[in-house]
Amino acid sequence: MSEEVSQEQPPRPIAHLVSRRSVEEDRAWAQLYAAIHQPSAAEEVVKQLDADAQSKRNHLALYIRAKTTLREQKVSEARNQRVGAFVRTVLTFLVMGPSRLVTKVYVALRDVAVASMPPAQKEPAAARARGLKNDPEFASSTDLFSSGAATPAVKASARTSRKAA
């Protein structure tokens, strides 16, 4: 009867002998292989495999793919920076260029307008005061006035000279 029992039940496949823990471990490694294209996962895998040399040897393909992902990310970031710099340069040229040109033209036109204006009219009183400084009669009158010894005749002559002017 023992022969009949053994014949009725086929031998168990090896998959049933694998523990649940190794199934979960295999599932976790499969998820890592699937997510290795993401830079954050690749960075973590590289960090962990660098710390454990045995795991690094066992999963060398995963390690190489993670390093490749990180390298591709750096290349992509460098390309994005170059594109961004180009766009900033073009926008600066297209937007700021015309405004700078308008400002320069405005300043040039303003300078031309100011230069072409007629000179300001001179104050006639200032020219007359400069002429009187050289007049000896006026100089003696100012000396008398500043000393306070002005006579009525001098005061009268000062009034007549004001009326004449």
N, C-alpha and C. Protein backbone atom coordinates (compact mmCIF):
# COMPACT_ATOMS: atom_id res chain seq x y z
N MET A 1 0.80 -1.17 0.00
CA MET A 1 0.00 0.00 0.00
C MET A 1 0.85 1.25 0.00
N SER A 2 1.97 1.20 0.59
CA SER A 2 2.85 2.35 0.56
C SER A 2 3.32 2.64 -0.85
N GLU A 3 3.39 1.61 -1.68
CA GLU A 3 3.77 1.85 -3.06
C GLU A 3 2.67 2.58 -3.79
N GLU A 4 1.46 2.24 -3.47
CA GLU A 4 0.34 2.89 -4.14
C GLU A 4 0.27 4.37 -3.78
N VAL A 5 0.56 4.71 -2.55
CA VAL A 5 0.52 6.09 -2.13
C VAL A 5 1.60 6.88 -2.83
N SER A 6 2.78 6.30 -2.92
CA SER A 6 3.86 7.02 -3.57
C SER A 6 3.62 7.15 -5.06
N GLN A 7 2.93 6.19 -5.66
CA GLN A 7 2.65 6.29 -7.08
C GLN A 7 1.53 7.29 -7.34
N GLU A 8 0.61 7.40 -6.44
CA GLU A 8 -0.51 8.30 -6.64
C GLU A 8 -0.10 9.76 -6.54
N GLN A 9 0.83 10.06 -5.67
CA GLN A 9 1.26 11.45 -5.51
C GLN A 9 2.57 11.65 -6.27
N PRO A 10 2.53 12.50 -7.26
CA PRO A 10 3.78 12.76 -7.98
C PRO A 10 4.73 13.53 -7.08
N PRO A 11 6.00 13.49 -7.33
CA PRO A 11 6.95 14.23 -6.51
C PRO A 11 6.68 15.73 -6.62
N ARG A 12 6.90 16.41 -5.52
CA ARG A 12 6.64 17.86 -5.50
C ARG A 12 7.70 18.59 -6.34
N PRO A 13 7.27 19.62 -7.08
CA PRO A 13 8.25 20.40 -7.84
C PRO A 13 9.12 21.22 -6.88
N ILE A 14 10.25 21.67 -7.38
CA ILE A 14 11.22 22.41 -6.57
C ILE A 14 10.63 23.75 -6.12
N ALA A 15 9.76 24.35 -6.90
CA ALA A 15 9.18 25.64 -6.56
C ALA A 15 8.47 25.60 -5.21
N HIS A 16 7.88 24.47 -4.85
CA HIS A 16 7.19 24.37 -3.57
C HIS A 16 8.18 24.31 -2.41
N LEU A 17 9.40 23.92 -2.69
CA LEU A 17 10.39 23.82 -1.64
C LEU A 17 11.01 25.17 -1.30
N VAL A 18 10.86 26.14 -2.19
CA VAL A 18 11.44 27.46 -1.97
C VAL A 18 10.64 28.16 -0.86
N SER A 19 11.34 28.75 0.06
CA SER A 19 10.66 29.39 1.18
C SER A 19 9.99 30.70 0.75
N ARG A 20 9.06 31.10 1.56
CA ARG A 20 8.33 32.34 1.28
C ARG A 20 9.27 33.54 1.32
N ARG A 21 10.26 33.46 2.17
CA ARG A 21 11.21 34.58 2.29
C ARG A 21 11.97 34.78 0.98
N SER A 22 12.41 33.73 0.35
CA SER A 22 13.14 33.90 -0.91
C SER A 22 12.21 34.34 -2.04
N VAL A 23 10.94 33.98 -1.97
CA VAL A 23 10.00 34.47 -2.97
C VAL A 23 9.86 35.98 -2.84
N GLU A 24 9.71 36.48 -1.63
CA GLU A 24 9.62 37.91 -1.40
C GLU A 24 10.90 38.63 -1.81
N GLU A 25 12.04 38.00 -1.52
CA GLU A 25 13.32 38.58 -1.92
C GLU A 25 13.42 38.68 -3.43
N ASP A 26 13.02 37.62 -4.11
CA ASP A 26 13.05 37.62 -5.59
C ASP A 26 12.10 38.68 -6.14
N ARG A 27 10.95 38.83 -5.50
CA ARG A 27 9.98 39.84 -5.94
C ARG A 27 10.56 41.25 -5.74
N ALA A 28 11.26 41.47 -4.63
CA ALA A 28 11.87 42.77 -4.37
C ALA A 28 12.96 43.07 -5.40
N TRP A 29 13.77 42.07 -5.73
CA TRP A 29 14.81 42.28 -6.75
C TRP A 29 14.17 42.57 -8.10
N ALA A 30 13.07 41.89 -8.41
CA ALA A 30 12.38 42.13 -9.69
C ALA A 30 11.86 43.57 -9.74
N GLN A 31 11.34 44.06 -8.61
CA GLN A 31 10.88 45.45 -8.56
C GLN A 31 12.03 46.42 -8.73
N LEU A 32 13.17 46.09 -8.14
CA LEU A 32 14.34 46.95 -8.33
C LEU A 32 14.77 46.98 -9.78
N TYR A 33 14.79 45.82 -10.43
CA TYR A 33 15.15 45.78 -11.85
C TYR A 33 14.17 46.58 -12.69
N ALA A 34 12.90 46.55 -12.31
CA ALA A 34 11.88 47.30 -13.06
C ALA A 34 11.99 48.80 -12.83
N ALA A 35 12.41 49.21 -11.63
CA ALA A 35 12.44 50.63 -11.28
C ALA A 35 13.82 51.25 -11.46
N ILE A 36 14.76 50.52 -11.99
CA ILE A 36 16.14 51.02 -12.04
C ILE A 36 16.30 52.20 -13.00
N HIS A 37 15.34 52.41 -13.88
CA HIS A 37 15.43 53.55 -14.80
C HIS A 37 15.15 54.88 -14.10
N GLN A 38 14.63 54.84 -12.88
CA GLN A 38 14.39 56.06 -12.11
C GLN A 38 15.66 56.44 -11.36
N PRO A 39 16.11 57.70 -11.50
CA PRO A 39 17.37 58.11 -10.88
C PRO A 39 17.41 57.93 -9.36
N SER A 40 16.29 58.14 -8.69
CA SER A 40 16.31 57.99 -7.23
C SER A 40 16.52 56.53 -6.84
N ALA A 41 15.87 55.60 -7.54
CA ALA A 41 16.06 54.18 -7.25
C ALA A 41 17.47 53.76 -7.63
N ALA A 42 17.97 54.25 -8.75
CA ALA A 42 19.32 53.90 -9.19
C ALA A 42 20.36 54.38 -8.19
N GLU A 43 20.16 55.57 -7.65
CA GLU A 43 21.11 56.11 -6.67
C GLU A 43 21.13 55.25 -5.41
N GLU A 44 19.97 54.82 -4.97
CA GLU A 44 19.90 53.99 -3.76
C GLU A 44 20.52 52.61 -4.01
N VAL A 45 20.28 52.04 -5.18
CA VAL A 45 20.86 50.73 -5.50
C VAL A 45 22.37 50.82 -5.53
N VAL A 46 22.91 51.86 -6.16
CA VAL A 46 24.36 52.02 -6.23
C VAL A 46 24.93 52.16 -4.83
N LYS A 47 24.27 52.95 -4.01
CA LYS A 47 24.76 53.15 -2.63
C LYS A 47 24.78 51.83 -1.86
N GLN A 48 23.72 51.04 -1.97
CA GLN A 48 23.65 49.78 -1.24
C GLN A 48 24.63 48.74 -1.79
N LEU A 49 24.75 48.67 -3.11
CA LEU A 49 25.65 47.67 -3.69
C LEU A 49 27.11 48.05 -3.49
N ASP A 50 27.41 49.33 -3.41
CA ASP A 50 28.79 49.73 -3.11
C ASP A 50 29.17 49.32 -1.69
N ALA A 51 28.19 49.28 -0.81
CA ALA A 51 28.46 48.91 0.58
C ALA A 51 28.65 47.40 0.74
N ASP A 52 28.08 46.59 -0.14
CA ASP A 52 28.14 45.12 -0.02
C ASP A 52 28.75 44.54 -1.29
N ALA A 53 30.00 44.13 -1.22
CA ALA A 53 30.71 43.62 -2.40
C ALA A 53 30.10 42.33 -2.92
N GLN A 54 29.64 41.46 -2.05
CA GLN A 54 29.05 40.18 -2.48
C GLN A 54 27.78 40.42 -3.28
N SER A 55 26.92 41.29 -2.79
CA SER A 55 25.69 41.62 -3.53
C SER A 55 26.02 42.29 -4.85
N LYS A 56 27.05 43.09 -4.85
CA LYS A 56 27.46 43.77 -6.08
C LYS A 56 27.88 42.74 -7.12
N ARG A 57 28.62 41.69 -6.70
CA ARG A 57 29.03 40.64 -7.64
C ARG A 57 27.81 39.82 -8.09
N ASN A 58 26.88 39.55 -7.19
CA ASN A 58 25.71 38.75 -7.53
C ASN A 58 24.76 39.49 -8.47
N HIS A 59 24.73 40.81 -8.36
CA HIS A 59 23.79 41.61 -9.16
C HIS A 59 24.55 42.67 -9.96
N LEU A 60 25.53 42.21 -10.67
CA LEU A 60 26.39 43.14 -11.43
C LEU A 60 25.61 43.86 -12.53
N ALA A 61 24.70 43.18 -13.19
CA ALA A 61 23.90 43.81 -14.25
C ALA A 61 23.05 44.94 -13.67
N LEU A 62 22.48 44.71 -12.51
CA LEU A 62 21.68 45.75 -11.86
C LEU A 62 22.56 46.95 -11.51
N TYR A 63 23.74 46.69 -11.00
CA TYR A 63 24.66 47.75 -10.63
C TYR A 63 25.06 48.57 -11.86
N ILE A 64 25.39 47.88 -12.94
CA ILE A 64 25.80 48.58 -14.17
C ILE A 64 24.64 49.40 -14.73
N ARG A 65 23.44 48.84 -14.69
CA ARG A 65 22.28 49.59 -15.19
C ARG A 65 22.00 50.82 -14.32
N ALA A 66 22.18 50.68 -13.02
CA ALA A 66 21.97 51.82 -12.11
C ALA A 66 23.00 52.91 -12.39
N LYS A 67 24.25 52.53 -12.58
CA LYS A 67 25.28 53.53 -12.90
C LYS A 67 24.98 54.20 -14.24
N THR A 68 24.50 53.44 -15.20
CA THR A 68 24.14 54.02 -16.51
C THR A 68 22.99 55.00 -16.36
N THR A 69 22.02 54.66 -15.54
CA THR A 69 20.89 55.57 -15.30
C THR A 69 21.37 56.88 -14.69
N LEU A 70 22.27 56.80 -13.73
CA LEU A 70 22.79 58.02 -13.10
C LEU A 70 23.59 58.85 -14.11
N ARG A 71 24.36 58.19 -14.94
CA ARG A 71 25.13 58.91 -15.97
C ARG A 71 24.20 59.58 -16.97
N GLU A 72 23.14 58.88 -17.38
CA GLU A 72 22.17 59.46 -18.31
C GLU A 72 21.47 60.67 -17.68
N GLN A 73 21.21 60.59 -16.38
CA GLN A 73 20.58 61.73 -15.69
C GLN A 73 21.50 62.95 -15.72
N LYS A 74 22.79 62.74 -15.48
CA LYS A 74 23.73 63.87 -15.50
C LYS A 74 23.80 64.48 -16.89
N VAL A 75 23.82 63.62 -17.91
CA VAL A 75 23.86 64.13 -19.29
C VAL A 75 22.59 64.92 -19.59
N SER A 76 21.46 64.40 -19.14
CA SER A 76 20.19 65.09 -19.37
C SER A 76 20.16 66.44 -18.67
N GLU A 77 20.64 66.51 -17.43
CA GLU A 77 20.69 67.78 -16.71
C GLU A 77 21.60 68.78 -17.40
N ALA A 78 22.75 68.31 -17.89
CA ALA A 78 23.67 69.21 -18.60
C ALA A 78 23.01 69.74 -19.87
N ARG A 79 22.30 68.87 -20.60
CA ARG A 79 21.61 69.30 -21.82
C ARG A 79 20.53 70.32 -21.48
N ASN A 80 19.79 70.06 -20.41
CA ASN A 80 18.74 71.01 -20.00
C ASN A 80 19.33 72.36 -19.62
N GLN A 81 20.48 72.36 -18.97
CA GLN A 81 21.12 73.63 -18.62
C GLN A 81 21.57 74.38 -19.87
N ARG A 82 22.10 73.66 -20.85
CA ARG A 82 22.51 74.32 -22.10
C ARG A 82 21.30 74.89 -22.83
N VAL A 83 20.22 74.14 -22.89
CA VAL A 83 19.00 74.63 -23.56
C VAL A 83 18.45 75.84 -22.82
N GLY A 84 18.45 75.78 -21.49
CA GLY A 84 17.97 76.91 -20.71
C GLY A 84 18.81 78.16 -20.93
N ALA A 85 20.12 77.99 -20.99
CA ALA A 85 21.01 79.14 -21.24
C ALA A 85 20.74 79.72 -22.62
N PHE A 86 20.52 78.85 -23.61
CA PHE A 86 20.23 79.33 -24.96
C PHE A 86 18.92 80.10 -24.98
N VAL A 87 17.89 79.57 -24.34
CA VAL A 87 16.59 80.25 -24.32
C VAL A 87 16.70 81.59 -23.61
N ARG A 88 17.44 81.64 -22.49
CA ARG A 88 17.62 82.92 -21.80
C ARG A 88 18.34 83.93 -22.69
N THR A 89 19.36 83.47 -23.43
CA THR A 89 20.10 84.36 -24.31
C THR A 89 19.20 84.90 -25.42
N VAL A 90 18.42 84.01 -26.03
CA VAL A 90 17.53 84.44 -27.12
C VAL A 90 16.48 85.41 -26.59
N LEU A 91 15.89 85.10 -25.45
CA LEU A 91 14.87 86.00 -24.90
C LEU A 91 15.47 87.35 -24.49
N THR A 92 16.68 87.32 -23.95
CA THR A 92 17.34 88.57 -23.60
C THR A 92 17.57 89.40 -24.85
N PHE A 93 18.01 88.76 -25.91
CA PHE A 93 18.28 89.46 -27.16
C PHE A 93 16.99 90.00 -27.76
N LEU A 94 15.92 89.18 -27.76
CA LEU A 94 14.68 89.59 -28.41
C LEU A 94 13.85 90.57 -27.57
N VAL A 95 13.92 90.47 -26.26
CA VAL A 95 13.09 91.33 -25.41
C VAL A 95 13.88 92.54 -24.93
N MET A 96 15.05 92.29 -24.38
CA MET A 96 15.82 93.39 -23.81
C MET A 96 16.55 94.20 -24.88
N GLY A 97 16.92 93.57 -25.97
CA GLY A 97 17.63 94.27 -27.03
C GLY A 97 16.88 95.47 -27.56
N PRO A 98 15.62 95.30 -27.98
CA PRO A 98 14.88 96.47 -28.49
C PRO A 98 14.69 97.56 -27.43
N SER A 99 14.46 97.18 -26.18
CA SER A 99 14.28 98.21 -25.15
C SER A 99 15.58 98.97 -24.91
N ARG A 100 16.70 98.28 -24.95
CA ARG A 100 17.99 98.97 -24.82
C ARG A 100 18.24 99.88 -26.01
N LEU A 101 17.87 99.43 -27.21
CA LEU A 101 18.05 100.24 -28.41
C LEU A 101 17.18 101.49 -28.32
N VAL A 102 15.93 101.34 -27.89
CA VAL A 102 15.04 102.50 -27.76
C VAL A 102 15.61 103.49 -26.74
N THR A 103 16.16 102.98 -25.64
CA THR A 103 16.74 103.86 -24.62
C THR A 103 17.93 104.63 -25.19
N LYS A 104 18.79 103.96 -25.94
CA LYS A 104 19.96 104.63 -26.53
C LYS A 104 19.53 105.69 -27.54
N VAL A 105 18.53 105.36 -28.35
CA VAL A 105 18.04 106.33 -29.34
C VAL A 105 17.42 107.53 -28.62
N TYR A 106 16.66 107.29 -27.56
CA TYR A 106 16.06 108.39 -26.80
C TYR A 106 17.12 109.30 -26.21
N VAL A 107 18.17 108.72 -25.63
CA VAL A 107 19.25 109.52 -25.05
C VAL A 107 19.95 110.33 -26.13
N ALA A 108 20.21 109.73 -27.28
CA ALA A 108 20.87 110.45 -28.37
C ALA A 108 20.00 111.59 -28.88
N LEU A 109 18.71 111.34 -29.06
CA LEU A 109 17.80 112.39 -29.53
C LEU A 109 17.68 113.51 -28.50
N ARG A 110 17.66 113.16 -27.23
CA ARG A 110 17.60 114.17 -26.18
C ARG A 110 18.84 115.05 -26.21
N ASP A 111 20.01 114.43 -26.37
CA ASP A 111 21.24 115.21 -26.42
C ASP A 111 21.27 116.13 -27.63
N VAL A 112 20.78 115.64 -28.77
CA VAL A 112 20.73 116.47 -29.98
C VAL A 112 19.75 117.62 -29.77
N ALA A 113 18.60 117.34 -29.15
CA ALA A 113 17.61 118.40 -28.93
C ALA A 113 18.15 119.47 -27.98
N VAL A 114 18.83 119.05 -26.95
CA VAL A 114 19.39 120.02 -26.00
C VAL A 114 20.48 120.84 -26.68
N ALA A 115 21.30 120.21 -27.50
CA ALA A 115 22.38 120.93 -28.18
C ALA A 115 21.85 121.91 -29.22
N SER A 116 20.70 121.58 -29.82
CA SER A 116 20.17 122.46 -30.88
C SER A 116 19.31 123.60 -30.33
N MET A 117 19.03 123.62 -29.06
CA MET A 117 18.23 124.70 -28.48
C MET A 117 19.06 125.98 -28.45
N PRO A 118 18.37 127.14 -28.59
CA PRO A 118 19.11 128.40 -28.53
C PRO A 118 19.67 128.60 -27.12
N PRO A 119 20.76 129.35 -27.02
CA PRO A 119 21.33 129.56 -25.69
C PRO A 119 20.36 130.36 -24.82
N ALA A 120 20.46 130.16 -23.55
CA ALA A 120 19.59 130.87 -22.61
C ALA A 120 19.91 132.36 -22.66
N GLN A 121 18.87 133.17 -22.53
CA GLN A 121 19.09 134.61 -22.56
C GLN A 121 19.81 135.05 -21.31
N LYS A 122 20.76 135.96 -21.53
CA LYS A 122 21.54 136.45 -20.39
C LYS A 122 20.74 137.52 -19.68
N GLU A 123 20.92 137.54 -18.41
CA GLU A 123 20.24 138.52 -17.58
C GLU A 123 20.89 139.88 -17.82
N PRO A 124 20.13 140.90 -18.23
CA PRO A 124 20.73 142.20 -18.50
C PRO A 124 21.28 142.86 -17.24
N ALA A 125 20.70 142.60 -16.11
CA ALA A 125 21.18 143.24 -14.87
C ALA A 125 22.58 142.73 -14.52
N ALA A 126 22.86 141.46 -14.81
CA ALA A 126 24.19 140.92 -14.49
C ALA A 126 25.25 141.58 -15.36
N ALA A 127 24.94 141.81 -16.63
CA ALA A 127 25.90 142.49 -17.51
C ALA A 127 26.10 143.95 -17.07
N ARG A 128 25.06 144.60 -16.66
CA ARG A 128 25.17 146.00 -16.20
C ARG A 128 25.99 146.07 -14.91
N ALA A 129 25.81 145.11 -13.99
CA ALA A 129 26.57 145.11 -12.73
C ALA A 129 28.05 144.91 -13.01
N ARG A 130 28.38 144.04 -13.96
CA ARG A 130 29.80 143.85 -14.29
C ARG A 130 30.39 145.14 -14.90
N GLY A 131 29.60 145.87 -15.69
CA GLY A 131 30.07 147.12 -16.28
C GLY A 131 30.26 148.20 -15.23
N LEU A 132 29.41 148.21 -14.23
CA LEU A 132 29.52 149.23 -13.19
C LEU A 132 30.71 148.99 -12.27
N LYS A 133 31.16 147.79 -12.13
CA LYS A 133 32.32 147.52 -11.28
C LYS A 133 33.55 148.25 -11.80
N ASN A 134 33.63 148.39 -13.09
CA ASN A 134 34.80 149.07 -13.68
C ASN A 134 34.63 150.60 -13.74
N ASP A 135 33.45 151.10 -13.47
CA ASP A 135 33.21 152.55 -13.50
C ASP A 135 33.77 153.19 -12.23
N PRO A 136 34.71 154.20 -12.34
CA PRO A 136 35.30 154.80 -11.15
C PRO A 136 34.29 155.58 -10.31
N GLU A 137 33.33 156.19 -10.93
CA GLU A 137 32.34 156.96 -10.18
C GLU A 137 31.50 156.02 -9.31
N PHE A 138 31.15 154.87 -9.83
CA PHE A 138 30.37 153.89 -9.07
C PHE A 138 31.20 153.31 -7.93
N ALA A 139 32.47 153.09 -8.17
CA ALA A 139 33.34 152.54 -7.13
C ALA A 139 33.44 153.50 -5.96
N SER A 140 33.59 154.81 -6.23
CA SER A 140 33.66 155.78 -5.14
C SER A 140 32.33 155.87 -4.40
N SER A 141 31.23 155.72 -5.12
CA SER A 141 29.90 155.76 -4.48
C SER A 141 29.72 154.56 -3.56
N THR A 142 30.14 153.40 -3.97
CA THR A 142 30.00 152.22 -3.11
C THR A 142 30.87 152.33 -1.89
N ASP A 143 32.07 152.96 -2.04
CA ASP A 143 32.93 153.16 -0.87
C ASP A 143 32.26 154.10 0.13
N LEU A 144 31.68 155.17 -0.37
CA LEU A 144 31.00 156.11 0.52
C LEU A 144 29.79 155.47 1.19
N PHE A 145 29.07 154.66 0.43
CA PHE A 145 27.88 154.02 0.97
C PHE A 145 28.24 153.03 2.06
N SER A 146 29.28 152.25 1.81
CA SER A 146 29.68 151.26 2.81
C SER A 146 30.24 151.91 4.06
N SER A 147 30.85 153.11 3.95
CA SER A 147 31.36 153.80 5.13
C SER A 147 30.25 154.51 5.89
N GLY A 148 29.10 154.72 5.26
CA GLY A 148 27.98 155.36 5.93
C GLY A 148 28.09 156.88 5.92
N ALA A 149 29.04 157.45 5.21
CA ALA A 149 29.23 158.90 5.18
C ALA A 149 28.67 159.50 3.91
N ALA A 150 27.65 158.94 3.38
CA ALA A 150 27.09 159.44 2.13
C ALA A 150 26.40 160.79 2.39
N THR A 151 26.71 161.77 1.57
CA THR A 151 26.12 163.11 1.69
C THR A 151 24.85 163.17 0.89
N PRO A 152 24.03 164.18 1.13
CA PRO A 152 22.79 164.30 0.36
C PRO A 152 23.07 164.47 -1.12
N ALA A 153 24.17 165.06 -1.52
CA ALA A 153 24.47 165.24 -2.94
C ALA A 153 24.77 163.89 -3.57
N VAL A 154 25.48 163.04 -2.84
CA VAL A 154 25.80 161.71 -3.37
C VAL A 154 24.52 160.90 -3.50
N LYS A 155 23.63 161.05 -2.51
CA LYS A 155 22.38 160.31 -2.57
C LYS A 155 21.57 160.78 -3.75
N ALA A 156 21.57 162.05 -4.04
CA ALA A 156 20.82 162.58 -5.17
C ALA A 156 21.42 162.10 -6.48
N SER A 157 22.75 162.06 -6.57
CA SER A 157 23.37 161.58 -7.81
C SER A 157 23.10 160.10 -8.00
N ALA A 158 23.00 159.35 -6.93
CA ALA A 158 22.68 157.92 -7.04
C ALA A 158 21.27 157.74 -7.56
N ARG A 159 20.35 158.61 -7.10
CA ARG A 159 18.97 158.51 -7.58
C ARG A 159 18.90 158.84 -9.06
N THR A 160 19.62 159.88 -9.50
CA THR A 160 19.57 160.26 -10.91
C THR A 160 20.20 159.19 -11.78
N SER A 161 21.26 158.51 -11.28
CA SER A 161 21.89 157.47 -12.09
C SER A 161 20.97 156.26 -12.22
N ARG A 162 20.15 156.01 -11.19
CA ARG A 162 19.20 154.90 -11.27
C ARG A 162 18.12 155.22 -12.30
N LYS A 163 17.70 156.47 -12.32
CA LYS A 163 16.65 156.85 -13.28
C LYS A 163 17.20 156.80 -14.70
N ALA A 164 18.45 157.11 -14.87
CA ALA A 164 19.05 157.11 -16.21
C ALA A 164 19.20 155.71 -16.74
N ALA A 165 19.44 154.81 -15.87
CA ALA A 165 19.65 153.41 -16.29
C ALA A 165 18.37 152.81 -16.64
